PDB file of N, CA and C in Angstrom:
ATOM      1  N   MET A   1     271.399  97.376 150.466  1.00  0.00           N
ATOM      2  CA  MET A   1     270.272  96.799 150.528  1.00  0.00           C
ATOM      3  C   MET A   1     269.421  96.177 151.855  1.00  0.00           C
ATOM      4  N   SER A   2     270.267  95.478 152.319  1.00  0.00           N
ATOM      5  CA  SER A   2     269.728  94.605 153.310  1.00  0.00           C
ATOM      6  C   SER A   2     269.926  95.523 154.813  1.00  0.00           C
ATOM      7  N   GLY A   3     271.619  95.531 154.847  1.00  0.00           N
ATOM      8  CA  GLY A   3     271.640  96.568 155.911  1.00  0.00           C
ATOM      9  C   GLY A   3     271.663  95.264 157.500  1.00  0.00           C
ATOM     10  N   ARG A   4     271.790  95.891 158.681  1.00  0.00           N
ATOM     11  CA  ARG A   4     271.690  95.309 160.027  1.00  0.00           C
ATOM     12  C   ARG A   4     270.666  95.214 160.119  1.00  0.00           C
ATOM     13  N   LYS A   5     270.350  94.268 160.890  1.00  0.00           N
ATOM     14  CA  LYS A   5     268.819  93.687 161.745  1.00  0.00           C
ATOM     15  C   LYS A   5     269.039  94.214 162.956  1.00  0.00           C
ATOM     16  N   THR A   6     270.281  94.559 163.946  1.00  0.00           N
ATOM     17  CA  THR A   6     270.136  95.042 165.000  1.00  0.00           C
ATOM     18  C   THR A   6     270.828  96.584 165.194  1.00  0.00           C
ATOM     19  N   PHE A   7     270.701  96.870 166.535  1.00  0.00           N
ATOM     20  CA  PHE A   7     271.435  97.921 166.827  1.00  0.00           C
ATOM     21  C   PHE A   7     272.186  97.903 168.071  1.00  0.00           C
ATOM     22  N   ASP A   8     273.016  98.704 168.424  1.00  0.00           N
ATOM     23  CA  ASP A   8     273.724  98.744 169.733  1.00  0.00           C
ATOM     24  C   ASP A   8     273.092  99.537 170.789  1.00  0.00           C
ATOM     25  N   ILE A   9     273.063  99.315 171.751  1.00  0.00           N
ATOM     26  CA  ILE A   9     272.348 100.091 172.789  1.00  0.00           C
ATOM     27  C   ILE A   9     273.290  99.619 174.371  1.00  0.00           C
ATOM     28  N   GLY A  10     273.494 100.950 174.879  1.00  0.00           N
ATOM     29  CA  GLY A  10     274.291 100.819 176.250  1.00  0.00           C
ATOM     30  C   GLY A  10     273.028 100.645 177.433  1.00  0.00           C
ATOM     31  N   ARG A  11     273.733  99.804 178.389  1.00  0.00           N
ATOM     32  CA  ARG A  11     272.722  99.347 179.377  1.00  0.00           C
ATOM     33  C   ARG A  11     273.345  99.732 180.605  1.00  0.00           C
ATOM     34  N   ASP A  12     272.760 100.491 181.662  1.00  0.00           N
ATOM     35  CA  ASP A  12     273.651 100.514 183.311  1.00  0.00           C
ATOM     36  C   ASP A  12     273.381  99.393 183.904  1.00  0.00           C
ATOM     37  N   SER A  13     274.413  98.566 184.426  1.00  0.00           N
ATOM     38  CA  SER A  13     274.124  97.333 184.984  1.00  0.00           C
ATOM     39  C   SER A  13     273.458  97.428 186.327  1.00  0.00           C
ATOM     40  N   LYS A  14     273.386  98.653 186.881  1.00  0.00           N
ATOM     41  CA  LYS A  14     272.885  98.370 188.421  1.00  0.00           C
ATOM     42  C   LYS A  14     271.306  98.691 188.296  1.00  0.00           C
ATOM     43  N   SER A  15     270.966  99.679 187.544  1.00  0.00           N
ATOM     44  CA  SER A  15     269.394 100.102 187.297  1.00  0.00           C
ATOM     45  C   SER A  15     268.901  99.397 186.168  1.00  0.00           C
ATOM     46  N   GLY A  16     269.586  98.714 185.114  1.00  0.00           N
ATOM     47  CA  GLY A  16     268.772  98.292 183.716  1.00  0.00           C
ATOM     48  C   GLY A  16     268.418  98.934 182.765  1.00  0.00           C
ATOM     49  N   GLN A  17     268.845 100.360 183.178  1.00  0.00           N
ATOM     50  CA  GLN A  17     268.012 101.361 182.212  1.00  0.00           C
ATOM     51  C   GLN A  17     268.869 101.382 181.105  1.00  0.00           C
ATOM     52  N   PHE A  18     268.344 101.744 179.782  1.00  0.00           N
ATOM     53  CA  PHE A  18     269.016 102.066 178.666  1.00  0.00           C
ATOM     54  C   PHE A  18     270.050 103.783 178.886  1.00  0.00           C
ATOM     55  N   ILE A  19     271.186 103.281 178.014  1.00  0.00           N
ATOM     56  CA  ILE A  19     271.840 104.718 178.184  1.00  0.00           C
ATOM     57  C   ILE A  19     272.410 104.658 176.607  1.00  0.00           C
ATOM     58  N   PRO A  20     272.898 105.957 176.122  1.00  0.00           N
ATOM     59  CA  PRO A  20     273.608 105.993 174.618  1.00  0.00           C
ATOM     60  C   PRO A  20     275.088 105.532 175.016  1.00  0.00           C
ATOM     61  N   VAL A  21     275.179 104.737 173.755  1.00  0.00           N
ATOM     62  CA  VAL A  21     276.445 103.950 173.746  1.00  0.00           C
ATOM     63  C   VAL A  21     277.739 104.586 174.320  1.00  0.00           C
ATOM     64  N   LYS A  22     277.667 105.892 173.796  1.00  0.00           N
ATOM     65  CA  LYS A  22     278.954 106.659 173.995  1.00  0.00           C
ATOM     66  C   LYS A  22     279.181 106.926 175.778  1.00  0.00           C
ATOM     67  N   GLU A  23     278.191 106.970 176.277  1.00  0.00           N
ATOM     68  CA  GLU A  23     278.235 106.653 177.724  1.00  0.00           C
ATOM     69  C   GLU A  23     278.413 105.606 178.270  1.00  0.00           C
ATOM     70  N   ALA A  24     278.132 104.499 177.766  1.00  0.00           N
ATOM     71  CA  ALA A  24     278.409 102.856 178.208  1.00  0.00           C
ATOM     72  C   ALA A  24     279.854 102.922 177.907  1.00  0.00           C
ATOM     73  N   ASP A  25     280.668 103.658 176.955  1.00  0.00           N
ATOM     74  CA  ASP A  25     282.101 103.200 176.491  1.00  0.00           C
ATOM     75  C   ASP A  25     282.742 104.133 177.513  1.00  0.00           C
ATOM     76  N   ARG A  26     282.249 104.937 178.068  1.00  0.00           N
ATOM     77  CA  ARG A  26     282.882 105.893 179.288  1.00  0.00           C
ATOM     78  C   ARG A  26     283.028 105.106 180.522  1.00  0.00           C
ATOM     79  N   ARG A  27     282.008 104.557 180.559  1.00  0.00           N
ATOM     80  CA  ARG A  27     281.898 103.818 181.970  1.00  0.00           C
ATOM     81  C   ARG A  27     281.590 102.294 182.259  1.00  0.00           C
ATOM     82  N   PRO A  28     282.984 101.739 181.231  1.00  0.00           N
ATOM     83  CA  PRO A  28     282.949 100.267 181.113  1.00  0.00           C
ATOM     84  C   PRO A  28     282.752  99.091 182.290  1.00  0.00           C
ATOM     85  N   GLY A  29     282.819  99.764 183.515  1.00  0.00           N
ATOM     86  CA  GLY A  29     283.027  99.109 184.655  1.00  0.00           C
ATOM     87  C   GLY A  29     281.176  98.860 185.126  1.00  0.00           C
ATOM     88  N   SER A  30     280.615  99.742 184.757  1.00  0.00           N
ATOM     89  CA  SER A  30     279.326  99.942 185.451  1.00  0.00           C
ATOM     90  C   SER A  30     278.331  99.652 184.391  1.00  0.00           C
ATOM     91  N   THR A  31     278.658  99.590 183.168  1.00  0.00           N
ATOM     92  CA  THR A  31     277.794  99.555 182.173  1.00  0.00           C
ATOM     93  C   THR A  31     277.762  98.433 180.895  1.00  0.00           C
ATOM     94  N   THR A  32     276.960  97.873 180.209  1.00  0.00           N
ATOM     95  CA  THR A  32     277.378  97.086 179.126  1.00  0.00           C
ATOM     96  C   THR A  32     276.709  97.660 177.847  1.00  0.00           C
ATOM     97  N   VAL A  33     277.330  96.786 176.545  1.00  0.00           N
ATOM     98  CA  VAL A  33     276.323  97.222 175.336  1.00  0.00           C
ATOM     99  C   VAL A  33     275.913  96.085 174.821  1.00  0.00           C
ATOM    100  N   GLU A  34     274.767  96.356 174.327  1.00  0.00           N
ATOM    101  CA  GLU A  34     274.072  94.853 173.632  1.00  0.00           C
ATOM    102  C   GLU A  34     273.666  95.143 172.464  1.00  0.00           C
ATOM    103  N   ARG A  35     273.450  94.452 171.646  1.00  0.00           N
ATOM    104  CA  ARG A  35     272.651  94.072 170.387  1.00  0.00           C
ATOM    105  C   ARG A  35     271.463  94.168 170.794  1.00  0.00           C
ATOM    106  N   VAL A  36     270.551  94.720 169.966  1.00  0.00           N
ATOM    107  CA  VAL A  36     269.041  94.564 170.238  1.00  0.00           C
ATOM    108  C   VAL A  36     268.296  94.527 168.753  1.00  0.00           C
ATOM    109  N   PRO A  37     267.617  93.689 168.531  1.00  0.00           N
ATOM    110  CA  PRO A  37     266.938  93.584 166.889  1.00  0.00           C
ATOM    111  C   PRO A  37     266.083  94.865 167.075  1.00  0.00           C
ATOM    112  N   LYS A  38     265.943  95.449 165.681  1.00  0.00           N
ATOM    113  CA  LYS A  38     265.272  96.476 165.087  1.00  0.00           C
ATOM    114  C   LYS A  38     263.468  95.703 165.200  1.00  0.00           C
ATOM    115  N   PRO A  39     263.013  96.883 165.369  1.00  0.00           N
ATOM    116  CA  PRO A  39     261.515  96.268 165.946  1.00  0.00           C
ATOM    117  C   PRO A  39     260.923  95.611 164.412  1.00  0.00           C
ATOM    118  N   GLY A  40     260.195  94.296 164.840  1.00  0.00           N
ATOM    119  CA  GLY A  40     259.903  93.547 163.795  1.00  0.00           C
ATOM    120  C   GLY A  40     260.852  92.870 163.103  1.00  0.00           C
ATOM    121  N   ARG A  41     262.005  92.743 163.751  1.00  0.00           N
ATOM    122  CA  ARG A  41     262.952  91.577 163.234  1.00  0.00           C
ATOM    123  C   ARG A  41     263.231  90.213 164.344  1.00  0.00           C
ATOM    124  N   GLY A  42     262.834  90.403 165.521  1.00  0.00           N
ATOM    125  CA  GLY A  42     262.664  89.054 166.367  1.00  0.00           C
ATOM    126  C   GLY A  42     264.163  88.485 166.620  1.00  0.00           C
ATOM    127  N   ASP A  43     263.973  87.278 166.085  1.00  0.00           N
ATOM    128  CA  ASP A  43     265.334  86.447 166.412  1.00  0.00           C
ATOM    129  C   ASP A  43     266.261  86.925 165.505  1.00  0.00           C
ATOM    130  N   THR A  44     267.789  87.278 165.734  1.00  0.00           N
ATOM    131  CA  THR A  44     268.748  87.841 164.808  1.00  0.00           C
ATOM    132  C   THR A  44     270.060  87.106 165.386  1.00  0.00           C
ATOM    133  N   LYS A  45     270.379  85.839 165.417  1.00  0.00           N
ATOM    134  CA  LYS A  45     271.277  85.045 166.054  1.00  0.00           C
ATOM    135  C   LYS A  45     272.264  84.968 164.947  1.00  0.00           C
ATOM    136  N   GLY A  46     272.223  85.263 163.670  1.00  0.00           N
ATOM    137  CA  GLY A  46     273.116  85.322 162.745  1.00  0.00           C
ATOM    138  C   GLY A  46     273.970  86.560 162.456  1.00  0.00           C
ATOM    139  N   GLU A  47     273.318  87.466 163.317  1.00  0.00           N
ATOM    140  CA  GLU A  47     274.338  88.771 163.378  1.00  0.00           C
ATOM    141  C   GLU A  47     275.723  88.790 164.018  1.00  0.00           C
ATOM    142  N   PRO A  48     276.918  89.437 163.577  1.00  0.00           N
ATOM    143  CA  PRO A  48     278.315  89.186 164.372  1.00  0.00           C
ATOM    144  C   PRO A  48     278.175  89.974 165.495  1.00  0.00           C
ATOM    145  N   SER A  49     278.608  89.659 166.461  1.00  0.00           N
ATOM    146  CA  SER A  49     278.760  90.108 167.772  1.00  0.00           C
ATOM    147  C   SER A  49     279.415  91.695 167.592  1.00  0.00           C
ATOM    148  N   ARG A  50     279.285  92.510 168.618  1.00  0.00           N
ATOM    149  CA  ARG A  50     280.089  93.632 168.519  1.00  0.00           C
ATOM    150  C   ARG A  50     281.430  93.920 168.815  1.00  0.00           C
ATOM    151  N   ARG A  51     281.983  94.572 167.918  1.00  0.00           N
ATOM    152  CA  ARG A  51     283.571  94.462 168.045  1.00  0.00           C
ATOM    153  C   ARG A  51     283.854  95.943 168.686  1.00  0.00           C
ATOM    154  N   LYS A  52     284.703  96.084 169.223  1.00  0.00           N
ATOM    155  CA  LYS A  52     285.534  97.452 169.867  1.00  0.00           C
ATOM    156  C   LYS A  52     286.593  98.052 168.569  1.00  0.00           C
TER     157      LYS A  52
END
């Protein structure tokens, strides 16, 4: 019913551009994977962190 309020998104560390999570997992030295709130959700501090 409820589901997650965030989604994972990759980000290039140099340019700051969003990239697919699969690409970020392939390049862990130059990318990060972040949790971003879904539109309209705003603050989601209660969500668990991303686990590999």
